[in-house]
Amino acid sequence: MTMGTAQVFVARMVGLAVMGPGGERIGKVRDVVISLRVDPNPPRVLGLVVELVTRRRIFVPMLRVTSIDVEAVTLATGSVSLRGFRQRPNEALLVGQVIDAPVRLADSGEEVVVVDAAIEPTRSRDWVVGRLAVRPRRTRLTRRGAVSIVAWRAVRGLTLSDRQGTEGLLAVFETMRAADVAAALSELPVKRQHEVIDALDDERLADVFEELSESDQRQLLGHLGAERAADVLGAMAPDDAADLLGELPAYESDRLLALMEPEESAPVRRLLRYSADTAGGLMTPEPIILRPDATVAEALAHIRNPDIPAALASMAFVCRPPTETPTGPYLGCVHAQRLLREAPFELVAGLVDSELAQLSPDATLAQITRYFAAYNLVAGPVVDAGEHLLGAVTVDDVLDHLLPRGWRDELTEPIGGVVGGLGTGHPDRGDGHRHGAVNEPARGRDHA
């Protein structure tokens, strides 16, 4: 059975020999590792747990597998990592933790037991758990029911939120980007959402809030209470905080601004003076700003700061003091690529691009879009009539406003997928399910 196989039932794979491309025996299959999701979409198959002759169990990525048949699993290479397999918080074992798990059918609510799971390849060479073999849960008064094959989406009880407590979710979220956490959070029940945001620190929650849809932001902000909401707004990027406050009633926005620290609320108040669809409303007031006597080494140190978004790090702006927005006279910008080509001791004053056009704070969204297209930029300076730098607009801010309102609400899945481990363990199933074709479900064990 080659990689074009429609589906492979994993219980039949347990105990199959794992062979290298030259026919050398590497070990045998003991389990299949998957990444569970918050939503009911099929999880991705990460790889196989393979037991070596020495009984050490190692992990083999699924992309190394070239074929699966009734006799063996063949790998693209005989070179594998001998590091012992350790299950991570964001992983689950199909044989050890999903098979024999009690679940419910989504349409009827009937309680059933998983007796096998079918994995299938996608066009991108990934594998997903597309189908489950389930049997009605047996009681003392009922006979063993027939096995039926259902889509993964047709069952409830196997998602990340079903299987992980709040502590488990937090452990998984620690490994994820803020955008993926935001997408995962929006899929959780409201009660679980509140438990998660209560446990996150203000800085991390601020990062997540910046990636949430407007509706989710408003709903969760109301749960935080005024004091903590003000703290989270203060930790957010000023432009994102201004966008959020602009969505609230004026009295609520004013109350939260009054609770924020003055140095945190001041840039937000300046942004709120502009219309949300102008350069003044879209800009961040905290770009990379340098004095003309700064060196290339200093400029590169600012650009390397991991807290600076990639678009903002594409250029630095050179101004005379003061270097806080609104700055002293704006002299021009220095592109990151130019800095990389110069000696560290050179002064940025000699590298300034003073010819690049500037955006006025009243520039419209259409004008900003044409500006980025004309100059092939991902960031641009916003300068007032007095030649003071007010901030910078980045291309991601423009895209956020060009997309339809509420576009984040329409995301059906987090970018890159959301992962998490199951909480139900099960002993290794041994070799008992290797007999029979791998594209047929195993019988499984009944539950009393």
Protein backbone atom coordinates (compact mmCIF):
# COMPACT_ATOMS: atom_id res chain seq x y z
CA MET A 1 0.00 0.00 0.00
CA THR A 2 1.72 3.20 -1.18
CA MET A 3 1.43 6.83 -0.11
CA GLY A 4 -1.58 7.11 -2.42
CA THR A 5 -3.53 4.93 0.04
CA ALA A 6 -6.98 6.33 0.78
CA GLN A 7 -6.82 5.38 4.47
CA VAL A 8 -4.92 3.20 6.94
CA PHE A 9 -6.43 1.93 10.20
CA VAL A 10 -3.84 2.44 12.90
CA ALA A 11 -4.69 -0.50 15.19
CA ARG A 12 -3.62 -2.78 12.34
CA MET A 13 -0.27 -0.97 12.16
CA VAL A 14 0.82 -1.84 15.70
CA GLY A 15 3.62 -4.39 15.51
CA LEU A 16 4.34 -3.86 11.80
CA ALA A 17 8.02 -3.93 10.91
CA VAL A 18 9.63 -0.59 10.12
CA MET A 19 12.12 -0.96 7.26
CA GLY A 20 14.69 1.30 5.66
CA PRO A 21 14.78 1.86 1.88
CA GLY A 22 17.33 -0.92 1.47
CA GLY A 23 15.24 -3.48 3.34
CA GLU A 24 17.14 -3.08 6.62
CA ARG A 25 14.94 -3.61 9.68
CA ILE A 26 14.79 -0.61 12.03
CA GLY A 27 12.14 -1.68 14.54
CA LYS A 28 8.37 -2.00 14.79
CA VAL A 29 5.43 0.38 15.09
CA ARG A 30 4.09 0.93 18.60
CA ASP A 31 1.85 3.99 18.18
CA VAL A 32 0.90 6.99 16.07
CA VAL A 33 1.43 10.53 17.38
CA ILE A 34 -1.12 13.22 16.55
CA SER A 35 -1.72 16.86 17.45
CA LEU A 36 -5.20 17.53 18.76
CA ARG A 37 -7.05 20.72 17.92
CA VAL A 38 -9.44 23.02 19.76
CA ASP A 39 -11.95 22.84 16.91
CA PRO A 40 -13.52 19.58 15.61
CA ASN A 41 -11.43 19.49 12.41
CA PRO A 42 -9.28 16.38 11.82
CA PRO A 43 -5.94 16.49 13.68
CA ARG A 44 -2.63 16.19 11.90
CA VAL A 45 -0.51 13.04 12.21
CA LEU A 46 2.96 13.98 13.41
CA GLY A 47 4.70 10.61 13.17
CA LEU A 48 5.19 7.10 14.53
CA VAL A 49 6.48 5.75 17.82
CA VAL A 50 8.91 3.03 16.75
CA GLU A 51 10.38 0.43 19.11
CA LEU A 52 13.97 -0.55 18.27
CA VAL A 53 15.48 -3.98 18.86
CA THR A 54 16.92 -2.59 22.10
CA ARG A 55 13.32 -1.75 23.18
CA ARG A 56 14.09 1.96 23.09
CA ARG A 57 11.18 3.89 21.63
CA ILE A 58 11.95 6.68 19.21
CA PHE A 59 9.91 9.16 17.15
CA VAL A 60 9.89 8.96 13.33
CA PRO A 61 8.25 11.92 11.50
CA MET A 62 5.42 10.95 9.17
CA LEU A 63 7.14 12.68 6.25
CA ARG A 64 9.82 9.95 6.41
CA VAL A 65 7.22 7.27 5.59
CA THR A 66 7.08 6.27 1.91
CA SER A 67 4.73 3.27 2.05
CA ILE A 68 2.54 1.22 4.37
CA ASP A 69 1.41 -2.32 3.59
CA VAL A 70 0.24 -5.39 5.47
CA GLU A 71 3.80 -6.50 6.15
CA ALA A 72 5.79 -3.34 6.89
CA VAL A 73 6.14 0.41 7.02
CA THR A 74 8.94 1.61 4.74
CA LEU A 75 10.90 4.80 5.37
CA ALA A 76 12.61 7.09 2.88
CA THR A 77 15.87 6.76 4.82
CA GLY A 78 17.43 4.32 7.22
CA SER A 79 18.96 7.18 9.21
CA VAL A 80 16.74 8.02 12.19
CA SER A 81 17.23 9.88 15.44
CA LEU A 82 17.88 7.50 18.32
CA ARG A 83 16.71 10.01 20.92
CA GLY A 84 14.10 8.41 23.16
CA PHE A 85 10.49 9.39 22.47
CA ARG A 86 8.92 11.71 25.01
CA GLN A 87 5.34 12.77 24.60
CA ARG A 88 4.85 16.53 24.71
CA PRO A 89 1.86 18.35 26.23
CA ASN A 90 0.58 19.12 22.73
CA GLU A 91 0.63 15.52 21.54
CA ALA A 92 -1.66 12.51 21.82
CA LEU A 93 -1.17 8.81 21.05
CA LEU A 94 -3.81 7.33 18.75
CA VAL A 95 -3.51 3.76 19.97
CA GLY A 96 -2.71 4.48 23.60
CA GLN A 97 -5.11 7.36 24.20
CA VAL A 98 -7.75 7.67 21.48
CA ILE A 99 -8.67 4.04 20.81
CA ASP A 100 -11.00 2.82 23.60
CA ALA A 101 -11.88 6.42 24.50
CA PRO A 102 -15.59 7.13 25.15
CA VAL A 103 -17.03 9.84 22.87
CA ARG A 104 -20.43 11.12 21.71
CA LEU A 105 -21.90 11.34 18.24
CA ALA A 106 -22.43 14.99 17.37
CA ASP A 107 -25.80 14.59 15.68
CA SER A 108 -27.52 12.25 18.14
CA GLY A 109 -25.53 12.60 21.36
CA GLU A 110 -25.24 8.77 21.54
CA GLU A 111 -22.33 7.50 23.65
CA VAL A 112 -19.92 5.37 21.66
CA VAL A 113 -16.42 3.99 22.05
CA VAL A 114 -13.58 4.46 19.55
CA VAL A 115 -12.34 1.05 18.39
CA ASP A 116 -10.00 2.22 15.63
CA ALA A 117 -8.88 5.32 13.74
CA ALA A 118 -8.08 5.78 10.06
CA ILE A 119 -5.30 8.07 8.93
CA GLU A 120 -5.21 9.38 5.38
CA PRO A 121 -2.77 11.49 3.33
CA THR A 122 -3.54 14.98 2.06
CA ARG A 123 -2.34 16.72 -1.07
CA SER A 124 0.32 18.53 0.96
CA ARG A 125 1.87 15.16 1.98
CA ASP A 126 0.57 15.59 5.52
CA TRP A 127 -1.55 12.88 7.12
CA VAL A 128 -4.69 13.52 9.14
CA VAL A 129 -7.06 11.39 11.20
CA GLY A 130 -10.00 11.50 8.81
CA ARG A 131 -12.28 8.76 10.20
CA LEU A 132 -12.99 6.80 13.34
CA ALA A 133 -14.41 3.32 13.81
CA VAL A 134 -16.88 3.49 16.71
CA ARG A 135 -19.18 1.05 18.50
CA PRO A 136 -22.14 1.83 20.79
CA ARG A 137 -21.06 1.75 24.41
CA ARG A 138 -21.94 -1.64 25.88
CA THR A 139 -23.81 -2.09 29.16
CA ARG A 140 -24.88 -5.20 31.05
CA LEU A 141 -28.30 -4.99 29.45
CA THR A 142 -27.23 -4.49 25.86
CA ARG A 143 -25.48 -6.59 23.27
CA ARG A 144 -22.32 -5.54 21.61
CA GLY A 145 -23.31 -3.17 18.80
CA ALA A 146 -22.03 -3.05 15.26
CA VAL A 147 -18.99 -1.00 14.32
CA SER A 148 -19.64 2.03 12.16
CA ILE A 149 -17.22 4.36 10.40
CA VAL A 150 -17.74 8.08 11.01
CA ALA A 151 -15.85 11.24 10.19
CA TRP A 152 -13.65 12.72 12.94
CA ARG A 153 -15.88 15.80 12.88
CA ALA A 154 -18.90 13.61 13.68
CA VAL A 155 -17.78 12.91 17.25
CA ARG A 156 -17.43 15.10 20.31
CA GLY A 157 -15.05 14.53 23.19
CA LEU A 158 -11.67 14.43 21.47
CA THR A 159 -10.79 18.11 21.12
CA LEU A 160 -8.15 19.89 23.15
CA SER A 161 -10.72 21.62 25.36
CA ASP A 162 -12.51 18.29 25.99
CA ARG A 163 -9.36 16.52 27.12
CA GLN A 164 -7.26 19.22 28.78
CA GLY A 165 -7.94 21.17 31.95
CA THR A 166 -7.01 24.83 32.14
CA GLU A 167 -3.46 24.01 33.30
CA GLY A 168 -2.99 21.71 30.32
CA LEU A 169 -4.28 24.36 27.93
CA LEU A 170 -1.90 26.92 29.38
CA ALA A 171 1.03 24.53 28.95
CA VAL A 172 0.12 24.10 25.29
CA PHE A 173 -0.47 27.82 24.73
CA GLU A 174 3.01 28.61 26.07
CA THR A 175 4.47 26.92 22.99
CA MET A 176 2.26 28.77 20.49
CA ARG A 177 2.35 32.14 18.75
CA ALA A 178 -0.06 34.78 20.00
CA ALA A 179 -2.09 34.63 16.76
CA ASP A 180 -2.57 30.87 17.16
CA VAL A 181 -3.50 31.25 20.84
CA ALA A 182 -6.10 33.86 19.87
CA ALA A 183 -7.60 31.55 17.25
CA ALA A 184 -7.65 28.66 19.73
CA LEU A 185 -9.13 30.81 22.48
CA SER A 186 -12.03 31.85 20.26
CA GLU A 187 -12.98 28.18 19.82
CA LEU A 188 -13.21 27.47 23.56
CA PRO A 189 -16.43 27.64 25.59
CA VAL A 190 -16.89 31.02 27.29
CA LYS A 191 -16.26 29.58 30.77
CA ARG A 192 -12.94 28.07 29.64
CA GLN A 193 -11.99 31.30 27.87
CA HIS A 194 -12.41 33.18 31.13
CA GLU A 195 -10.33 30.63 33.04
CA VAL A 196 -7.49 30.92 30.53
CA ILE A 197 -7.35 34.73 30.41
CA ASP A 198 -7.54 34.91 34.20
CA ALA A 199 -4.41 32.74 34.35
CA LEU A 200 -2.38 34.58 31.68
CA ASP A 201 -0.12 37.43 32.76
CA ASP A 202 -0.86 40.93 31.45
CA GLU A 203 1.95 40.97 28.88
CA ARG A 204 1.00 37.64 27.31
CA LEU A 205 -2.69 38.49 27.40
CA ALA A 206 -1.97 41.81 25.69
CA ASP A 207 -0.19 39.95 22.85
CA VAL A 208 -3.20 37.63 22.47
CA PHE A 209 -5.71 40.50 22.63
CA GLU A 210 -3.97 42.18 19.70
CA GLU A 211 -4.79 39.11 17.56
CA LEU A 212 -8.44 38.66 18.61
CA SER A 213 -11.44 39.78 16.59
CA GLU A 214 -13.25 42.94 17.67
CA SER A 215 -16.20 40.96 19.04
CA ASP A 216 -13.97 38.64 21.10
CA GLN A 217 -11.98 41.62 22.38
CA ARG A 218 -15.10 43.39 23.65
CA GLN A 219 -16.52 40.25 25.24
CA LEU A 220 -13.33 39.32 27.07
CA LEU A 221 -12.52 42.89 28.06
CA GLY A 222 -15.83 43.03 29.88
CA HIS A 223 -14.87 39.95 31.90
CA LEU A 224 -11.54 41.39 33.02
CA GLY A 225 -12.93 44.25 35.08
CA ALA A 226 -11.90 47.87 34.67
CA GLU A 227 -8.61 47.74 36.63
CA ARG A 228 -7.12 44.74 34.83
CA ALA A 229 -8.56 45.82 31.48
CA ALA A 230 -6.63 49.08 31.85
CA ASP A 231 -3.44 47.16 32.70
CA VAL A 232 -3.83 44.94 29.61
CA LEU A 233 -4.53 47.97 27.38
CA GLY A 234 -1.38 49.58 28.74
CA ALA A 235 0.64 46.51 27.78
CA MET A 236 -0.75 46.46 24.23
CA ALA A 237 0.83 48.32 21.32
CA PRO A 238 -0.68 51.83 21.38
CA ASP A 239 -2.24 51.49 17.92
CA ASP A 240 -3.93 48.20 18.85
CA ALA A 241 -5.13 49.67 22.16
CA ALA A 242 -6.52 52.69 20.30
CA ASP A 243 -8.35 50.42 17.83
CA LEU A 244 -9.95 48.52 20.70
CA LEU A 245 -10.92 51.63 22.65
CA GLY A 246 -12.37 53.12 19.48
CA GLU A 247 -14.85 50.23 19.37
CA LEU A 248 -16.16 50.97 22.87
CA PRO A 249 -18.73 53.56 23.95
CA ALA A 250 -17.10 56.93 24.69
CA TYR A 251 -17.84 56.79 28.44
CA GLU A 252 -16.22 53.33 28.76
CA SER A 253 -13.21 54.33 26.68
CA ASP A 254 -12.69 57.47 28.79
CA ARG A 255 -12.93 55.47 32.02
CA LEU A 256 -10.29 52.97 30.90
CA LEU A 257 -7.97 55.71 29.65
CA ALA A 258 -8.24 57.42 33.05
CA LEU A 259 -7.21 54.16 34.77
CA MET A 260 -4.13 53.64 32.55
CA GLU A 261 -0.73 54.99 33.53
CA PRO A 262 -0.24 58.49 32.04
CA GLU A 263 2.80 57.46 30.00
CA GLU A 264 0.80 54.56 28.53
CA SER A 265 -2.40 56.48 27.83
CA ALA A 266 -0.73 59.54 26.24
CA PRO A 267 0.19 57.91 22.89
CA VAL A 268 -3.19 56.17 22.78
CA ARG A 269 -5.00 59.48 23.27
CA ARG A 270 -2.98 61.01 20.41
CA LEU A 271 -3.98 58.18 18.10
CA LEU A 272 -7.65 58.48 19.02
CA ARG A 273 -7.67 62.05 17.68
CA TYR A 274 -7.39 60.70 14.15
CA SER A 275 -9.93 58.81 12.09
CA ALA A 276 -9.31 55.04 12.22
CA ASP A 277 -8.92 54.81 8.42
CA THR A 278 -6.18 57.45 8.12
CA ALA A 279 -2.42 57.20 8.53
CA GLY A 280 -2.72 58.94 11.91
CA GLY A 281 -5.22 56.34 13.09
CA LEU A 282 -3.32 53.38 11.67
CA MET A 283 0.21 54.30 12.73
CA THR A 284 2.21 53.03 15.66
CA PRO A 285 3.82 55.87 17.64
CA GLU A 286 6.76 53.65 18.64
CA PRO A 287 8.89 52.95 15.54
CA ILE A 288 12.68 52.66 15.64
CA ILE A 289 13.94 56.25 15.99
CA LEU A 290 17.64 57.17 15.91
CA ARG A 291 19.64 60.35 16.34
CA PRO A 292 21.88 61.26 13.38
CA ASP A 293 25.01 60.55 15.45
CA ALA A 294 23.95 56.93 16.10
CA THR A 295 26.19 54.24 14.62
CA VAL A 296 25.23 51.38 12.35
CA ALA A 297 25.92 48.99 15.24
CA GLU A 298 23.38 50.84 17.42
CA ALA A 299 20.80 50.80 14.63
CA LEU A 300 21.23 47.05 14.09
CA ALA A 301 20.88 46.43 17.83
CA HIS A 302 17.43 48.09 17.70
CA ILE A 303 16.43 46.09 14.64
CA ARG A 304 17.46 42.81 16.30
CA ASN A 305 15.11 43.43 19.22
CA PRO A 306 12.71 40.44 19.10
CA ASP A 307 9.89 42.61 20.46
CA ILE A 308 9.97 44.78 17.32
CA PRO A 309 7.56 43.42 14.64
CA ALA A 310 9.22 42.44 11.39
CA ALA A 311 7.56 45.20 9.36
CA LEU A 312 8.70 47.91 11.80
CA ALA A 313 12.22 46.47 11.81
CA SER A 314 12.50 46.99 8.05
CA MET A 315 13.64 50.59 8.55
CA ALA A 316 14.76 53.08 11.18
CA PHE A 317 13.81 56.76 11.22
CA VAL A 318 16.43 59.43 11.84
CA CYS A 319 15.33 62.56 13.74
CA ARG A 320 16.88 65.35 15.75
CA PRO A 321 16.04 65.33 19.48
CA PRO A 322 13.65 64.69 21.06
CA THR A 323 13.46 61.13 19.77
CA GLU A 324 10.07 60.37 21.32
CA THR A 325 7.08 60.99 19.05
CA PRO A 326 6.30 63.63 18.08
CA THR A 327 10.01 64.03 17.45
CA GLY A 328 12.28 66.89 16.55
CA PRO A 329 12.89 67.61 12.86
CA TYR A 330 12.58 64.47 10.72
CA LEU A 331 15.69 63.87 8.57
CA GLY A 332 14.79 60.67 6.75
CA CYS A 333 14.93 56.90 7.05
CA VAL A 334 17.57 54.17 6.89
CA HIS A 335 16.61 50.83 5.36
CA ALA A 336 17.62 47.67 7.24
CA GLN A 337 19.24 46.18 4.13
CA ARG A 338 21.46 49.24 3.78
CA LEU A 339 22.55 48.93 7.42
CA LEU A 340 23.58 45.32 6.85
CA ARG A 341 25.95 46.40 4.09
CA GLU A 342 27.78 49.07 6.08
CA ALA A 343 30.58 48.96 8.66
CA PRO A 344 29.36 48.95 12.29
CA PHE A 345 31.22 52.18 13.15
CA GLU A 346 29.62 54.24 10.35
CA LEU A 347 27.15 56.95 11.38
CA VAL A 348 23.55 56.63 10.21
CA ALA A 349 23.62 60.31 9.23
CA GLY A 350 25.59 59.34 6.14
CA LEU A 351 23.08 56.64 5.14
CA VAL A 352 19.83 58.57 5.40
CA ASP A 353 17.30 58.28 2.58
CA SER A 354 15.87 61.79 2.60
CA GLU A 355 14.11 61.41 -0.76
CA LEU A 356 11.49 58.83 0.30
CA ALA A 357 8.02 60.35 0.26
CA GLN A 358 6.24 60.73 3.60
CA LEU A 359 2.68 60.10 4.69
CA SER A 360 0.64 62.86 6.25
CA PRO A 361 -1.46 61.90 9.29
CA ASP A 362 -4.61 62.62 7.25
CA ALA A 363 -3.66 60.30 4.35
CA THR A 364 -6.55 57.99 3.48
CA LEU A 365 -6.43 54.21 3.36
CA ALA A 366 -6.44 54.32 -0.45
CA GLN A 367 -3.51 56.75 -0.47
CA ILE A 368 -1.55 54.60 1.98
CA THR A 369 -2.16 51.49 -0.12
CA ARG A 370 -0.90 53.22 -3.26
CA TYR A 371 2.12 54.49 -1.30
CA PHE A 372 3.18 50.98 -0.26
CA ALA A 373 2.61 49.61 -3.77
CA ALA A 374 4.53 52.47 -5.45
CA TYR A 375 7.60 52.26 -3.22
CA ASN A 376 7.59 48.49 -2.47
CA LEU A 377 7.62 49.12 1.27
CA VAL A 378 6.26 47.38 4.37
CA ALA A 379 6.53 50.47 6.58
CA GLY A 380 6.36 54.21 6.01
CA PRO A 381 6.88 57.39 8.08
CA VAL A 382 3.98 59.58 9.17
CA VAL A 383 5.16 63.20 9.37
CA ASP A 384 3.14 66.32 10.23
CA ALA A 385 3.27 69.74 8.55
CA GLY A 386 5.98 70.86 10.98
CA GLU A 387 8.30 68.01 9.87
CA HIS A 388 7.87 66.08 13.14
CA LEU A 389 7.75 62.29 12.96
CA LEU A 390 4.47 61.11 14.52
CA GLY A 391 4.85 57.39 13.94
CA ALA A 392 4.95 54.74 11.23
CA VAL A 393 2.31 52.79 9.34
CA THR A 394 3.05 49.13 8.57
CA VAL A 395 1.56 46.95 5.88
CA ASP A 396 -0.11 44.62 8.39
CA ASP A 397 -2.09 47.57 9.78
CA VAL A 398 -3.25 48.37 6.25
CA LEU A 399 -4.27 44.77 5.53
CA ASP A 400 -6.19 44.61 8.80
CA HIS A 401 -8.33 47.55 7.67
CA LEU A 402 -8.65 46.45 4.03
CA LEU A 403 -10.15 43.10 4.99
CA PRO A 404 -13.91 42.99 5.69
CA ARG A 405 -14.95 44.02 9.17
CA GLY A 406 -14.98 41.02 11.51
CA TRP A 407 -12.69 38.97 9.25
CA ARG A 408 -11.08 37.33 12.28
CA ASP A 409 -14.48 35.93 13.28
CA GLU A 410 -14.61 34.06 9.98
CA LEU A 411 -11.36 32.16 10.52
CA THR A 412 -12.27 28.48 10.68
CA GLU A 413 -8.92 27.32 11.97
CA PRO A 414 -5.77 28.77 13.52
CA ILE A 415 -2.81 29.34 11.28
CA GLY A 416 -0.60 26.32 11.48
CA GLY A 417 -3.18 24.38 13.48
CA VAL A 418 -3.82 24.18 17.19
CA VAL A 419 -2.40 21.33 19.16
CA GLY A 420 -2.84 19.70 22.53
CA GLY A 421 -2.50 16.36 24.29
CA LEU A 422 -5.17 14.01 25.52
CA GLY A 423 -5.48 13.33 29.21
CA THR A 424 -6.48 9.65 29.07
CA GLY A 425 -3.66 7.13 29.09
CA HIS A 426 -3.81 3.50 27.99
CA PRO A 427 -1.19 0.75 28.11
CA ASP A 428 0.57 -0.23 24.90
CA ARG A 429 -1.58 -2.55 22.81
CA GLY A 430 1.25 -4.90 21.82
CA ASP A 431 1.17 -6.96 18.62
CA GLY A 432 -2.40 -8.17 18.87
CA HIS A 433 -3.79 -6.02 16.04
CA ARG A 434 -1.30 -6.66 13.27
CA HIS A 435 -3.35 -9.41 11.62
CA GLY A 436 -5.66 -8.41 8.80
CA ALA A 437 -5.43 -5.62 6.22
CA VAL A 438 -4.26 -2.22 7.43
CA ASN A 439 -7.10 -0.49 5.60
CA GLU A 440 -9.75 -2.30 7.67
CA PRO A 441 -10.73 -1.37 11.25
CA ALA A 442 -9.74 -3.58 14.15
CA ARG A 443 -12.33 -5.06 16.49
CA GLY A 444 -11.25 -3.11 19.56
CA ARG A 445 -12.07 -3.95 23.18
CA ASP A 446 -15.57 -3.56 24.65
CA HIS A 447 -16.29 -1.33 27.61
CA ALA A 448 -18.56 -2.48 30.38
